Amino acid sequence: MVRTKDPAIRTLLIERAAQLLRAREPVTLRLLVAGTGVSTMAVYTYFGGMDGLWRAMRQEGFTRLAAKLETVRLSADPVRDLAALGAAYLSNALANPDLYRIMFDTGFELEDPAAADETLHCLVRATERAKGIGRFRSDIDALALATQSWAIGHGLVSLVATGPLPREALNHGAPMLTALFIGCGDDPDTCPRSVELGWRLDPSSESRSASRPT
């Protein structure tokens, strides 16, 4: 009789590996299972070995990002939605800094690359909607603009979550996105308000409140 794998054990090992990374300890088989109540064999049972564990950790990072992006309720204002998706991206990275770092370690392939790509396509769809209602110029490449938006968020949060900058540096995100969107044709009077409405939707980052207009 084949025993059914317990997803809780799989999650436990992924979380344990992330904890070791956070503590700057080596992720070895012995340390991975220490105190978990499972044997080293579980790493092979659930991941096929250490390389499989790293792939699963990368995938888990994108899985959590996708889940966070799904919490953003789309509105009639796609520019606001783009900013809200950016805020959700930052929130996910700050909540999962160790998995976030591994997400972009291309030394290990993803288990489901299409699922990871979908996190970018959320931004692409919002960009297309903005073009469709005339907020962005019709000649704007939606994928390119979505990538530029992602790069702004990724750069900021990487410097905060895994780098030298204080959390307050995230305040630069709204004006950077505003400048990008105005450069793509959005109205200079309308754009800042749309971006601020989206950027403020993430309640987990109190530091950004300093940049909100009263």
N, C-alpha and C. Protein backbone atom coordinates (compact mmCIF):
# COMPACT_ATOMS: atom_id res chain seq x y z
N MET A 1 0.85 -1.20 0.00
CA MET A 1 0.00 0.00 0.00
C MET A 1 0.88 1.24 0.00
N VAL A 2 0.62 2.14 -0.94
CA VAL A 2 1.39 3.37 -1.05
C VAL A 2 0.82 4.42 -0.10
N ARG A 3 1.68 4.96 0.74
CA ARG A 3 1.23 5.97 1.69
C ARG A 3 1.05 7.31 0.98
N THR A 4 -0.01 8.01 1.34
CA THR A 4 -0.25 9.33 0.76
C THR A 4 0.70 10.34 1.41
N LYS A 5 1.31 11.16 0.58
CA LYS A 5 2.21 12.17 1.11
C LYS A 5 1.42 13.24 1.85
N ASP A 6 1.97 13.68 2.95
CA ASP A 6 1.33 14.69 3.77
C ASP A 6 1.83 16.07 3.34
N PRO A 7 0.97 16.93 2.76
CA PRO A 7 1.43 18.25 2.33
C PRO A 7 1.96 19.10 3.47
N ALA A 8 1.52 18.80 4.69
CA ALA A 8 2.00 19.57 5.84
C ALA A 8 3.50 19.34 6.06
N ILE A 9 3.97 18.13 5.78
CA ILE A 9 5.40 17.84 5.94
C ILE A 9 6.20 18.58 4.87
N ARG A 10 5.68 18.61 3.66
CA ARG A 10 6.34 19.34 2.59
C ARG A 10 6.48 20.82 2.96
N THR A 11 5.41 21.41 3.45
CA THR A 11 5.44 22.81 3.87
C THR A 11 6.39 23.02 5.03
N LEU A 12 6.38 22.07 5.97
CA LEU A 12 7.26 22.15 7.13
C LEU A 12 8.72 22.23 6.72
N LEU A 13 9.12 21.39 5.77
CA LEU A 13 10.51 21.37 5.34
C LEU A 13 10.89 22.64 4.59
N ILE A 14 9.98 23.15 3.79
CA ILE A 14 10.23 24.41 3.08
C ILE A 14 10.40 25.56 4.08
N GLU A 15 9.52 25.61 5.07
CA GLU A 15 9.61 26.66 6.08
C GLU A 15 10.89 26.52 6.91
N ARG A 16 11.26 25.28 7.20
CA ARG A 16 12.47 25.05 7.98
C ARG A 16 13.70 25.52 7.20
N ALA A 17 13.74 25.24 5.91
CA ALA A 17 14.87 25.69 5.08
C ALA A 17 14.93 27.21 5.07
N ALA A 18 13.77 27.86 4.99
CA ALA A 18 13.74 29.33 5.00
C ALA A 18 14.24 29.87 6.33
N GLN A 19 13.90 29.21 7.42
CA GLN A 19 14.37 29.62 8.74
C GLN A 19 15.89 29.53 8.84
N LEU A 20 16.44 28.46 8.29
CA LEU A 20 17.89 28.31 8.31
C LEU A 20 18.57 29.42 7.52
N LEU A 21 18.00 29.76 6.38
CA LEU A 21 18.55 30.85 5.58
C LEU A 21 18.51 32.15 6.36
N ARG A 22 17.38 32.38 7.04
CA ARG A 22 17.22 33.61 7.81
C ARG A 22 18.25 33.70 8.92
N ALA A 23 18.58 32.55 9.51
CA ALA A 23 19.56 32.50 10.59
C ALA A 23 20.99 32.40 10.06
N ARG A 24 21.12 32.43 8.72
CA ARG A 24 22.44 32.32 8.07
C ARG A 24 23.16 31.03 8.45
N GLU A 25 22.38 29.96 8.59
CA GLU A 25 22.94 28.63 8.84
C GLU A 25 22.92 27.82 7.56
N PRO A 26 23.83 26.85 7.42
CA PRO A 26 23.84 26.02 6.22
C PRO A 26 22.59 25.14 6.15
N VAL A 27 22.04 25.01 4.96
CA VAL A 27 20.85 24.18 4.77
C VAL A 27 21.34 22.77 4.45
N THR A 28 21.56 22.00 5.48
CA THR A 28 22.00 20.61 5.34
C THR A 28 20.86 19.68 5.71
N LEU A 29 20.97 18.42 5.30
CA LEU A 29 19.94 17.45 5.64
C LEU A 29 19.75 17.35 7.16
N ARG A 30 20.87 17.30 7.89
CA ARG A 30 20.78 17.13 9.34
C ARG A 30 20.08 18.31 10.00
N LEU A 31 20.50 19.54 9.63
CA LEU A 31 19.88 20.72 10.24
C LEU A 31 18.45 20.90 9.77
N LEU A 32 18.17 20.47 8.55
CA LEU A 32 16.84 20.65 7.98
C LEU A 32 15.78 19.90 8.78
N VAL A 33 16.11 18.71 9.23
CA VAL A 33 15.11 17.89 9.93
C VAL A 33 15.21 17.99 11.45
N ALA A 34 16.24 18.66 11.94
CA ALA A 34 16.43 18.76 13.39
C ALA A 34 15.22 19.39 14.06
N GLY A 35 14.64 18.69 15.00
CA GLY A 35 13.52 19.20 15.76
C GLY A 35 12.19 19.15 15.04
N THR A 36 12.15 18.58 13.83
CA THR A 36 10.89 18.54 13.08
C THR A 36 10.10 17.26 13.30
N GLY A 37 10.77 16.23 13.79
CA GLY A 37 10.09 14.96 13.98
C GLY A 37 10.06 14.09 12.75
N VAL A 38 10.73 14.51 11.65
CA VAL A 38 10.79 13.69 10.45
C VAL A 38 12.25 13.33 10.19
N SER A 39 12.46 12.29 9.40
CA SER A 39 13.81 11.83 9.11
C SER A 39 14.34 12.51 7.86
N THR A 40 15.66 12.36 7.64
CA THR A 40 16.26 12.94 6.44
C THR A 40 15.67 12.33 5.18
N MET A 41 15.12 11.12 5.28
CA MET A 41 14.53 10.47 4.12
C MET A 41 13.35 11.26 3.57
N ALA A 42 12.73 12.08 4.43
CA ALA A 42 11.58 12.87 3.99
C ALA A 42 11.96 13.85 2.88
N VAL A 43 13.20 14.33 2.91
CA VAL A 43 13.64 15.25 1.87
C VAL A 43 13.65 14.57 0.51
N TYR A 44 13.99 13.30 0.48
CA TYR A 44 13.98 12.53 -0.77
C TYR A 44 12.55 12.12 -1.14
N THR A 45 11.76 11.81 -0.13
CA THR A 45 10.37 11.40 -0.39
C THR A 45 9.56 12.53 -1.00
N TYR A 46 9.75 13.73 -0.49
CA TYR A 46 8.92 14.86 -0.91
C TYR A 46 9.55 15.71 -2.00
N PHE A 47 10.89 15.68 -2.12
CA PHE A 47 11.55 16.56 -3.08
C PHE A 47 12.53 15.85 -4.00
N GLY A 48 12.82 14.59 -3.73
CA GLY A 48 13.79 13.87 -4.54
C GLY A 48 15.23 14.23 -4.22
N GLY A 49 15.44 15.01 -3.18
CA GLY A 49 16.79 15.42 -2.81
C GLY A 49 16.85 16.92 -2.58
N MET A 50 18.05 17.42 -2.29
CA MET A 50 18.21 18.83 -1.97
C MET A 50 17.92 19.75 -3.15
N ASP A 51 18.32 19.34 -4.36
CA ASP A 51 18.03 20.18 -5.53
C ASP A 51 16.52 20.35 -5.69
N GLY A 52 15.80 19.29 -5.44
CA GLY A 52 14.34 19.36 -5.53
C GLY A 52 13.76 20.28 -4.48
N LEU A 53 14.38 20.31 -3.31
CA LEU A 53 13.93 21.22 -2.26
C LEU A 53 14.10 22.67 -2.69
N TRP A 54 15.25 22.98 -3.30
CA TRP A 54 15.48 24.36 -3.75
C TRP A 54 14.48 24.75 -4.84
N ARG A 55 14.18 23.81 -5.74
CA ARG A 55 13.18 24.10 -6.78
C ARG A 55 11.82 24.37 -6.14
N ALA A 56 11.49 23.56 -5.15
CA ALA A 56 10.19 23.73 -4.48
C ALA A 56 10.13 25.06 -3.73
N MET A 57 11.25 25.48 -3.18
CA MET A 57 11.27 26.76 -2.47
C MET A 57 11.09 27.92 -3.44
N ARG A 58 11.73 27.83 -4.60
CA ARG A 58 11.51 28.85 -5.63
C ARG A 58 10.05 28.92 -6.01
N GLN A 59 9.47 27.74 -6.25
CA GLN A 59 8.07 27.70 -6.67
C GLN A 59 7.15 28.22 -5.57
N GLU A 60 7.47 27.88 -4.33
CA GLU A 60 6.64 28.35 -3.22
C GLU A 60 6.65 29.88 -3.13
N GLY A 61 7.79 30.48 -3.44
CA GLY A 61 7.86 31.93 -3.44
C GLY A 61 6.88 32.53 -4.43
N PHE A 62 6.83 31.97 -5.64
CA PHE A 62 5.90 32.47 -6.66
C PHE A 62 4.46 32.11 -6.32
N THR A 63 4.26 30.97 -5.68
CA THR A 63 2.91 30.58 -5.26
C THR A 63 2.35 31.59 -4.26
N ARG A 64 3.18 31.99 -3.32
CA ARG A 64 2.73 32.96 -2.33
C ARG A 64 2.52 34.34 -2.96
N LEU A 65 3.38 34.68 -3.92
CA LEU A 65 3.20 35.95 -4.61
C LEU A 65 1.87 35.95 -5.37
N ALA A 66 1.58 34.87 -6.08
CA ALA A 66 0.33 34.77 -6.83
C ALA A 66 -0.87 34.90 -5.90
N ALA A 67 -0.78 34.25 -4.75
CA ALA A 67 -1.89 34.32 -3.78
C ALA A 67 -2.07 35.75 -3.28
N LYS A 68 -0.97 36.46 -3.07
CA LYS A 68 -1.06 37.85 -2.61
C LYS A 68 -1.66 38.73 -3.70
N LEU A 69 -1.24 38.54 -4.94
CA LEU A 69 -1.77 39.35 -6.04
C LEU A 69 -3.26 39.12 -6.23
N GLU A 70 -3.69 37.91 -5.95
CA GLU A 70 -5.11 37.59 -6.10
C GLU A 70 -5.98 38.32 -5.08
N THR A 71 -5.38 38.82 -4.00
CA THR A 71 -6.16 39.56 -3.00
C THR A 71 -6.48 40.97 -3.46
N VAL A 72 -5.83 41.42 -4.53
CA VAL A 72 -6.09 42.77 -5.04
C VAL A 72 -7.39 42.76 -5.84
N ARG A 73 -8.35 43.49 -5.38
CA ARG A 73 -9.63 43.58 -6.07
C ARG A 73 -9.53 44.63 -7.18
N LEU A 74 -9.76 44.19 -8.40
CA LEU A 74 -9.63 45.10 -9.53
C LEU A 74 -10.78 46.12 -9.53
N SER A 75 -10.49 47.30 -10.01
CA SER A 75 -11.44 48.40 -10.02
C SER A 75 -11.63 48.90 -11.45
N ALA A 76 -12.38 49.98 -11.59
CA ALA A 76 -12.57 50.59 -12.90
C ALA A 76 -11.36 51.42 -13.31
N ASP A 77 -10.38 51.56 -12.41
CA ASP A 77 -9.19 52.36 -12.67
C ASP A 77 -7.98 51.42 -12.78
N PRO A 78 -7.57 51.05 -13.99
CA PRO A 78 -6.46 50.10 -14.14
C PRO A 78 -5.11 50.65 -13.69
N VAL A 79 -4.95 51.98 -13.69
CA VAL A 79 -3.69 52.55 -13.20
C VAL A 79 -3.61 52.37 -11.69
N ARG A 80 -4.72 52.59 -11.03
CA ARG A 80 -4.79 52.30 -9.60
C ARG A 80 -4.49 50.83 -9.34
N ASP A 81 -5.02 49.96 -10.20
CA ASP A 81 -4.81 48.52 -10.02
C ASP A 81 -3.35 48.14 -10.20
N LEU A 82 -2.67 48.76 -11.15
CA LEU A 82 -1.24 48.50 -11.34
C LEU A 82 -0.46 48.86 -10.08
N ALA A 83 -0.78 50.01 -9.49
CA ALA A 83 -0.10 50.42 -8.26
C ALA A 83 -0.43 49.47 -7.12
N ALA A 84 -1.68 49.02 -7.05
CA ALA A 84 -2.09 48.09 -6.00
C ALA A 84 -1.37 46.76 -6.13
N LEU A 85 -1.20 46.29 -7.36
CA LEU A 85 -0.46 45.06 -7.58
C LEU A 85 1.01 45.23 -7.17
N GLY A 86 1.54 46.41 -7.44
CA GLY A 86 2.92 46.69 -7.01
C GLY A 86 3.05 46.68 -5.49
N ALA A 87 2.05 47.26 -4.81
CA ALA A 87 2.06 47.27 -3.34
C ALA A 87 1.96 45.85 -2.80
N ALA A 88 1.14 45.02 -3.44
CA ALA A 88 1.00 43.63 -3.02
C ALA A 88 2.32 42.87 -3.22
N TYR A 89 3.01 43.17 -4.30
CA TYR A 89 4.31 42.55 -4.58
C TYR A 89 5.29 42.86 -3.45
N LEU A 90 5.34 44.13 -3.05
CA LEU A 90 6.23 44.52 -1.97
C LEU A 90 5.85 43.85 -0.67
N SER A 91 4.55 43.81 -0.39
CA SER A 91 4.08 43.20 0.85
C SER A 91 4.47 41.73 0.93
N ASN A 92 4.33 41.01 -0.18
CA ASN A 92 4.70 39.60 -0.20
C ASN A 92 6.19 39.41 0.04
N ALA A 93 7.00 40.24 -0.58
CA ALA A 93 8.45 40.11 -0.41
C ALA A 93 8.86 40.37 1.03
N LEU A 94 8.25 41.36 1.66
CA LEU A 94 8.59 41.69 3.04
C LEU A 94 8.13 40.60 4.00
N ALA A 95 7.03 39.94 3.66
CA ALA A 95 6.50 38.87 4.51
C ALA A 95 7.28 37.57 4.35
N ASN A 96 7.91 37.40 3.19
CA ASN A 96 8.63 36.15 2.89
C ASN A 96 10.02 36.46 2.32
N PRO A 97 10.86 37.16 3.07
CA PRO A 97 12.14 37.63 2.50
C PRO A 97 13.07 36.52 2.05
N ASP A 98 13.06 35.38 2.74
CA ASP A 98 13.98 34.31 2.38
C ASP A 98 13.51 33.58 1.12
N LEU A 99 12.22 33.30 1.05
CA LEU A 99 11.68 32.70 -0.17
C LEU A 99 11.80 33.67 -1.33
N TYR A 100 11.62 34.96 -1.05
CA TYR A 100 11.72 35.98 -2.10
C TYR A 100 13.12 35.97 -2.73
N ARG A 101 14.13 35.84 -1.90
CA ARG A 101 15.50 35.81 -2.42
C ARG A 101 15.71 34.60 -3.33
N ILE A 102 15.14 33.48 -2.96
CA ILE A 102 15.33 32.25 -3.72
C ILE A 102 14.54 32.25 -5.02
N MET A 103 13.43 33.00 -5.07
CA MET A 103 12.59 33.05 -6.26
C MET A 103 13.39 33.36 -7.52
N PHE A 104 14.42 34.15 -7.37
CA PHE A 104 15.17 34.63 -8.53
C PHE A 104 16.54 33.96 -8.67
N ASP A 105 16.70 32.83 -7.98
CA ASP A 105 17.92 32.04 -8.12
C ASP A 105 17.71 31.07 -9.29
N THR A 106 18.14 31.49 -10.47
CA THR A 106 17.89 30.71 -11.68
C THR A 106 18.80 29.49 -11.80
N GLY A 107 19.61 29.25 -10.78
CA GLY A 107 20.42 28.04 -10.78
C GLY A 107 19.58 26.79 -10.60
N PHE A 108 18.34 26.98 -10.18
CA PHE A 108 17.41 25.87 -10.00
C PHE A 108 16.13 26.16 -10.78
N GLU A 109 15.73 25.22 -11.63
CA GLU A 109 14.53 25.42 -12.44
C GLU A 109 13.29 25.40 -11.57
N LEU A 110 12.25 26.05 -12.06
CA LEU A 110 10.97 26.05 -11.37
C LEU A 110 10.21 24.76 -11.65
N GLU A 111 9.38 24.36 -10.72
CA GLU A 111 8.53 23.19 -10.93
C GLU A 111 7.44 23.51 -11.95
N ASP A 112 6.93 24.74 -11.93
CA ASP A 112 5.85 25.15 -12.83
C ASP A 112 6.13 26.57 -13.32
N PRO A 113 6.95 26.72 -14.38
CA PRO A 113 7.31 28.05 -14.88
C PRO A 113 6.10 28.89 -15.29
N ALA A 114 5.08 28.25 -15.83
CA ALA A 114 3.89 28.99 -16.29
C ALA A 114 3.21 29.69 -15.12
N ALA A 115 3.16 29.03 -13.98
CA ALA A 115 2.55 29.64 -12.80
C ALA A 115 3.33 30.86 -12.35
N ALA A 116 4.64 30.80 -12.46
CA ALA A 116 5.46 31.95 -12.12
C ALA A 116 5.25 33.09 -13.11
N ASP A 117 5.17 32.75 -14.38
CA ASP A 117 4.94 33.77 -15.41
C ASP A 117 3.62 34.50 -15.20
N GLU A 118 2.63 33.81 -14.66
CA GLU A 118 1.32 34.40 -14.46
C GLU A 118 1.38 35.61 -13.53
N THR A 119 2.33 35.63 -12.61
CA THR A 119 2.43 36.77 -11.70
C THR A 119 2.77 38.04 -12.47
N LEU A 120 3.55 37.93 -13.55
CA LEU A 120 3.84 39.09 -14.39
C LEU A 120 2.65 39.42 -15.28
N HIS A 121 1.97 38.40 -15.76
CA HIS A 121 0.84 38.64 -16.67
C HIS A 121 -0.31 39.36 -15.99
N CYS A 122 -0.39 39.31 -14.65
CA CYS A 122 -1.38 40.12 -13.94
C CYS A 122 -1.15 41.60 -14.23
N LEU A 123 0.12 41.99 -14.25
CA LEU A 123 0.47 43.38 -14.56
C LEU A 123 0.23 43.69 -16.04
N VAL A 124 0.50 42.73 -16.89
CA VAL A 124 0.29 42.94 -18.32
C VAL A 124 -1.19 43.20 -18.61
N ARG A 125 -2.06 42.43 -17.97
CA ARG A 125 -3.50 42.61 -18.21
C ARG A 125 -3.99 43.98 -17.73
N ALA A 126 -3.48 44.42 -16.59
CA ALA A 126 -3.86 45.74 -16.09
C ALA A 126 -3.36 46.83 -17.03
N THR A 127 -2.17 46.63 -17.58
CA THR A 127 -1.62 47.60 -18.54
C THR A 127 -2.47 47.65 -19.81
N GLU A 128 -2.88 46.51 -20.28
CA GLU A 128 -3.74 46.46 -21.47
C GLU A 128 -5.07 47.18 -21.21
N ARG A 129 -5.61 47.02 -20.02
CA ARG A 129 -6.84 47.71 -19.68
C ARG A 129 -6.64 49.22 -19.69
N ALA A 130 -5.50 49.66 -19.17
CA ALA A 130 -5.22 51.09 -19.16
C ALA A 130 -5.08 51.63 -20.58
N LYS A 131 -4.47 50.87 -21.45
CA LYS A 131 -4.39 51.28 -22.86
C LYS A 131 -5.78 51.34 -23.47
N GLY A 132 -6.62 50.36 -23.12
CA GLY A 132 -7.94 50.27 -23.73
C GLY A 132 -8.85 51.44 -23.41
N ILE A 133 -8.63 52.09 -22.26
CA ILE A 133 -9.47 53.24 -21.92
C ILE A 133 -8.74 54.56 -22.12
N GLY A 134 -7.59 54.50 -22.77
CA GLY A 134 -6.87 55.71 -23.13
C GLY A 134 -5.97 56.30 -22.07
N ARG A 135 -5.71 55.57 -20.99
CA ARG A 135 -4.81 56.10 -19.96
C ARG A 135 -3.36 56.04 -20.42
N PHE A 136 -3.01 55.01 -21.19
CA PHE A 136 -1.68 54.91 -21.77
C PHE A 136 -1.79 55.00 -23.28
N ARG A 137 -0.71 55.44 -23.93
CA ARG A 137 -0.70 55.55 -25.39
C ARG A 137 -0.89 54.18 -26.04
N SER A 138 -1.50 54.17 -27.18
CA SER A 138 -1.79 52.91 -27.87
C SER A 138 -0.54 52.19 -28.34
N ASP A 139 0.57 52.94 -28.50
CA ASP A 139 1.80 52.31 -28.99
C ASP A 139 2.65 51.71 -27.86
N ILE A 140 2.18 51.81 -26.63
CA ILE A 140 2.93 51.28 -25.50
C ILE A 140 2.88 49.75 -25.53
N ASP A 141 4.03 49.12 -25.36
CA ASP A 141 4.13 47.67 -25.27
C ASP A 141 3.74 47.26 -23.85
N ALA A 142 2.63 46.56 -23.72
CA ALA A 142 2.11 46.22 -22.39
C ALA A 142 3.09 45.37 -21.59
N LEU A 143 3.75 44.40 -22.23
CA LEU A 143 4.70 43.56 -21.53
C LEU A 143 5.89 44.37 -21.05
N ALA A 144 6.36 45.29 -21.90
CA ALA A 144 7.51 46.11 -21.52
C ALA A 144 7.17 47.00 -20.33
N LEU A 145 5.99 47.61 -20.35
CA LEU A 145 5.61 48.49 -19.25
C LEU A 145 5.39 47.70 -17.97
N ALA A 146 4.78 46.52 -18.08
CA ALA A 146 4.59 45.68 -16.91
C ALA A 146 5.94 45.29 -16.31
N THR A 147 6.90 44.98 -17.18
CA THR A 147 8.24 44.62 -16.72
C THR A 147 8.92 45.79 -16.02
N GLN A 148 8.75 46.99 -16.57
CA GLN A 148 9.33 48.18 -15.95
C GLN A 148 8.71 48.44 -14.58
N SER A 149 7.39 48.23 -14.47
CA SER A 149 6.72 48.40 -13.18
C SER A 149 7.26 47.39 -12.17
N TRP A 150 7.40 46.14 -12.63
CA TRP A 150 7.94 45.08 -11.77
C TRP A 150 9.36 45.44 -11.32
N ALA A 151 10.16 45.96 -12.25
CA ALA A 151 11.55 46.28 -11.93
C ALA A 151 11.64 47.35 -10.85
N ILE A 152 10.73 48.32 -10.88
CA ILE A 152 10.72 49.35 -9.84
C ILE A 152 10.46 48.71 -8.48
N GLY A 153 9.42 47.89 -8.40
CA GLY A 153 9.09 47.24 -7.13
C GLY A 153 10.18 46.30 -6.68
N HIS A 154 10.72 45.52 -7.62
CA HIS A 154 11.75 44.54 -7.28
C HIS A 154 13.01 45.24 -6.78
N GLY A 155 13.41 46.31 -7.46
CA GLY A 155 14.60 47.02 -7.04
C GLY A 155 14.48 47.59 -5.64
N LEU A 156 13.34 48.23 -5.37
CA LEU A 156 13.13 48.82 -4.06
C LEU A 156 13.10 47.78 -2.96
N VAL A 157 12.27 46.75 -3.16
CA VAL A 157 12.09 45.79 -2.07
C VAL A 157 13.34 44.93 -1.87
N SER A 158 14.11 44.70 -2.92
CA SER A 158 15.35 43.95 -2.76
C SER A 158 16.33 44.72 -1.88
N LEU A 159 16.37 46.04 -2.05
CA LEU A 159 17.27 46.86 -1.25
C LEU A 159 16.80 47.00 0.19
N VAL A 160 15.51 46.77 0.41
CA VAL A 160 14.95 46.87 1.77
C VAL A 160 14.93 45.51 2.46
N ALA A 161 14.33 44.51 1.78
CA ALA A 161 14.14 43.20 2.41
C ALA A 161 15.44 42.43 2.55
N THR A 162 16.33 42.55 1.59
CA THR A 162 17.57 41.77 1.63
C THR A 162 18.80 42.65 1.48
N GLY A 163 18.62 43.95 1.60
CA GLY A 163 19.73 44.86 1.37
C GLY A 163 19.88 45.91 2.45
N PRO A 164 20.53 47.04 2.12
CA PRO A 164 20.94 48.00 3.14
C PRO A 164 19.95 49.12 3.44
N LEU A 165 18.90 49.28 2.65
CA LEU A 165 18.04 50.45 2.83
C LEU A 165 16.97 50.23 3.89
N PRO A 166 16.58 51.31 4.60
CA PRO A 166 15.51 51.20 5.60
C PRO A 166 14.17 51.05 4.91
N ARG A 167 13.18 50.61 5.66
CA ARG A 167 11.84 50.38 5.12
C ARG A 167 11.23 51.63 4.51
N GLU A 168 11.62 52.78 5.04
CA GLU A 168 11.08 54.04 4.53
C GLU A 168 11.41 54.28 3.06
N ALA A 169 12.42 53.58 2.54
CA ALA A 169 12.79 53.74 1.13
C ALA A 169 11.67 53.30 0.20
N LEU A 170 10.75 52.48 0.70
CA LEU A 170 9.62 52.05 -0.12
C LEU A 170 8.72 53.22 -0.50
N ASN A 171 8.84 54.33 0.23
CA ASN A 171 8.06 55.51 -0.10
C ASN A 171 8.36 56.03 -1.50
N HIS A 172 9.52 55.69 -2.05
CA HIS A 172 9.88 56.16 -3.38
C HIS A 172 9.06 55.47 -4.48
N GLY A 173 8.40 54.36 -4.14
CA GLY A 173 7.70 53.60 -5.15
C GLY A 173 6.61 54.37 -5.86
N ALA A 174 5.77 55.08 -5.11
CA ALA A 174 4.65 55.80 -5.72
C ALA A 174 5.12 56.86 -6.71
N PRO A 175 6.04 57.75 -6.34
CA PRO A 175 6.48 58.74 -7.34
C PRO A 175 7.20 58.12 -8.53
N MET A 176 7.90 57.02 -8.32
CA MET A 176 8.59 56.37 -9.45
C MET A 176 7.57 55.79 -10.43
N LEU A 177 6.54 55.12 -9.89
CA LEU A 177 5.50 54.59 -10.77
C LEU A 177 4.74 55.71 -11.46
N THR A 178 4.48 56.79 -10.73
CA THR A 178 3.77 57.93 -11.32
C THR A 178 4.55 58.50 -12.50
N ALA A 179 5.83 58.68 -12.33
CA ALA A 179 6.66 59.20 -13.42
C ALA A 179 6.66 58.25 -14.62
N LEU A 180 6.72 56.95 -14.36
CA LEU A 180 6.69 55.96 -15.44
C LEU A 180 5.38 56.02 -16.20
N PHE A 181 4.27 56.08 -15.48
CA PHE A 181 2.96 56.05 -16.13
C PHE A 181 2.67 57.35 -16.88
N ILE A 182 3.08 58.48 -16.33
CA ILE A 182 2.91 59.75 -17.05
C ILE A 182 3.74 59.73 -18.33
N GLY A 183 4.92 59.15 -18.26
CA GLY A 183 5.75 59.04 -19.45
C GLY A 183 5.13 58.16 -20.52
N CYS A 184 4.21 57.29 -20.10
CA CYS A 184 3.53 56.41 -21.05
C CYS A 184 2.20 57.00 -21.52
N GLY A 185 1.93 58.24 -21.12
CA GLY A 185 0.77 58.92 -21.66
C GLY A 185 -0.33 59.24 -20.68
N ASP A 186 -0.20 58.80 -19.40
CA ASP A 186 -1.28 59.07 -18.46
C ASP A 186 -1.31 60.56 -18.11
N ASP A 187 -2.47 61.02 -17.70
CA ASP A 187 -2.68 62.44 -17.41
C ASP A 187 -1.92 62.84 -16.13
N PRO A 188 -1.12 63.91 -16.20
CA PRO A 188 -0.32 64.32 -15.04
C PRO A 188 -1.15 64.71 -13.83
N ASP A 189 -2.40 65.12 -14.04
CA ASP A 189 -3.26 65.48 -12.92
C ASP A 189 -3.97 64.26 -12.32
N THR A 190 -4.31 63.30 -13.17
CA THR A 190 -5.06 62.12 -12.73
C THR A 190 -4.16 61.04 -12.17
N CYS A 191 -2.99 60.87 -12.78
CA CYS A 191 -2.11 59.74 -12.46
C CYS A 191 -1.68 59.68 -11.00
N PRO A 192 -1.22 60.79 -10.41
CA PRO A 192 -0.75 60.69 -9.01
C PRO A 192 -1.82 60.18 -8.06
N ARG A 193 -3.06 60.61 -8.26
CA ARG A 193 -4.13 60.16 -7.39
C ARG A 193 -4.40 58.67 -7.57
N SER A 194 -4.39 58.20 -8.82
CA SER A 194 -4.62 56.78 -9.07
C SER A 194 -3.54 55.93 -8.41
N VAL A 195 -2.30 56.35 -8.56
CA VAL A 195 -1.19 55.58 -7.99
C VAL A 195 -1.28 55.57 -6.48
N GLU A 196 -1.55 56.71 -5.87
CA GLU A 196 -1.65 56.76 -4.41
C GLU A 196 -2.78 55.88 -3.90
N LEU A 197 -3.92 55.88 -4.61
CA LEU A 197 -5.03 55.03 -4.19
C LEU A 197 -4.65 53.56 -4.19
N GLY A 198 -3.88 53.14 -5.20
CA GLY A 198 -3.44 51.75 -5.26
C GLY A 198 -2.34 51.46 -4.27
N TRP A 199 -1.40 52.37 -4.14
CA TRP A 199 -0.23 52.15 -3.29
C TRP A 199 -0.60 52.05 -1.82
N ARG A 200 -1.67 52.72 -1.41
CA ARG A 200 -2.04 52.74 -0.01
C ARG A 200 -2.87 51.51 0.39
N LEU A 201 -3.19 50.62 -0.56
CA LEU A 201 -4.07 49.50 -0.26
C LEU A 201 -3.41 48.44 0.60
N ASP A 202 -2.09 48.40 0.62
CA ASP A 202 -1.39 47.40 1.42
C ASP A 202 -1.26 47.90 2.86
N PRO A 203 -2.02 47.34 3.81
CA PRO A 203 -1.98 47.83 5.18
C PRO A 203 -0.78 47.35 5.97
N SER A 204 0.05 46.48 5.39
CA SER A 204 1.14 45.88 6.17
C SER A 204 2.37 46.77 6.23
N SER A 205 2.40 47.85 5.45
CA SER A 205 3.58 48.70 5.44
C SER A 205 3.22 50.09 5.93
N GLU A 206 3.33 50.31 7.24
CA GLU A 206 2.96 51.58 7.81
C GLU A 206 3.90 52.70 7.38
N SER A 207 5.12 52.36 6.97
CA SER A 207 6.09 53.38 6.62
C SER A 207 5.64 54.20 5.43
N ARG A 208 4.83 53.60 4.55
CA ARG A 208 4.42 54.33 3.37
C ARG A 208 3.39 55.40 3.68
N SER A 209 2.80 55.37 4.88
CA SER A 209 1.80 56.37 5.21
C SER A 209 2.37 57.77 5.22
N ALA A 210 3.69 57.88 5.42
CA ALA A 210 4.31 59.21 5.45
C ALA A 210 4.21 59.92 4.14
N SER A 211 4.08 59.16 3.04
CA SER A 211 4.05 59.79 1.72
C SER A 211 2.64 59.99 1.20
N ARG A 212 1.63 59.62 1.99
CA ARG A 212 0.27 59.74 1.51
C ARG A 212 -0.22 61.17 1.65
N PRO A 213 -0.93 61.67 0.66
CA PRO A 213 -1.45 63.03 0.75
C PRO A 213 -2.59 63.10 1.75
N THR A 214 -2.72 64.21 2.41
CA THR A 214 -3.83 64.40 3.35
C THR A 214 -4.96 65.15 2.69
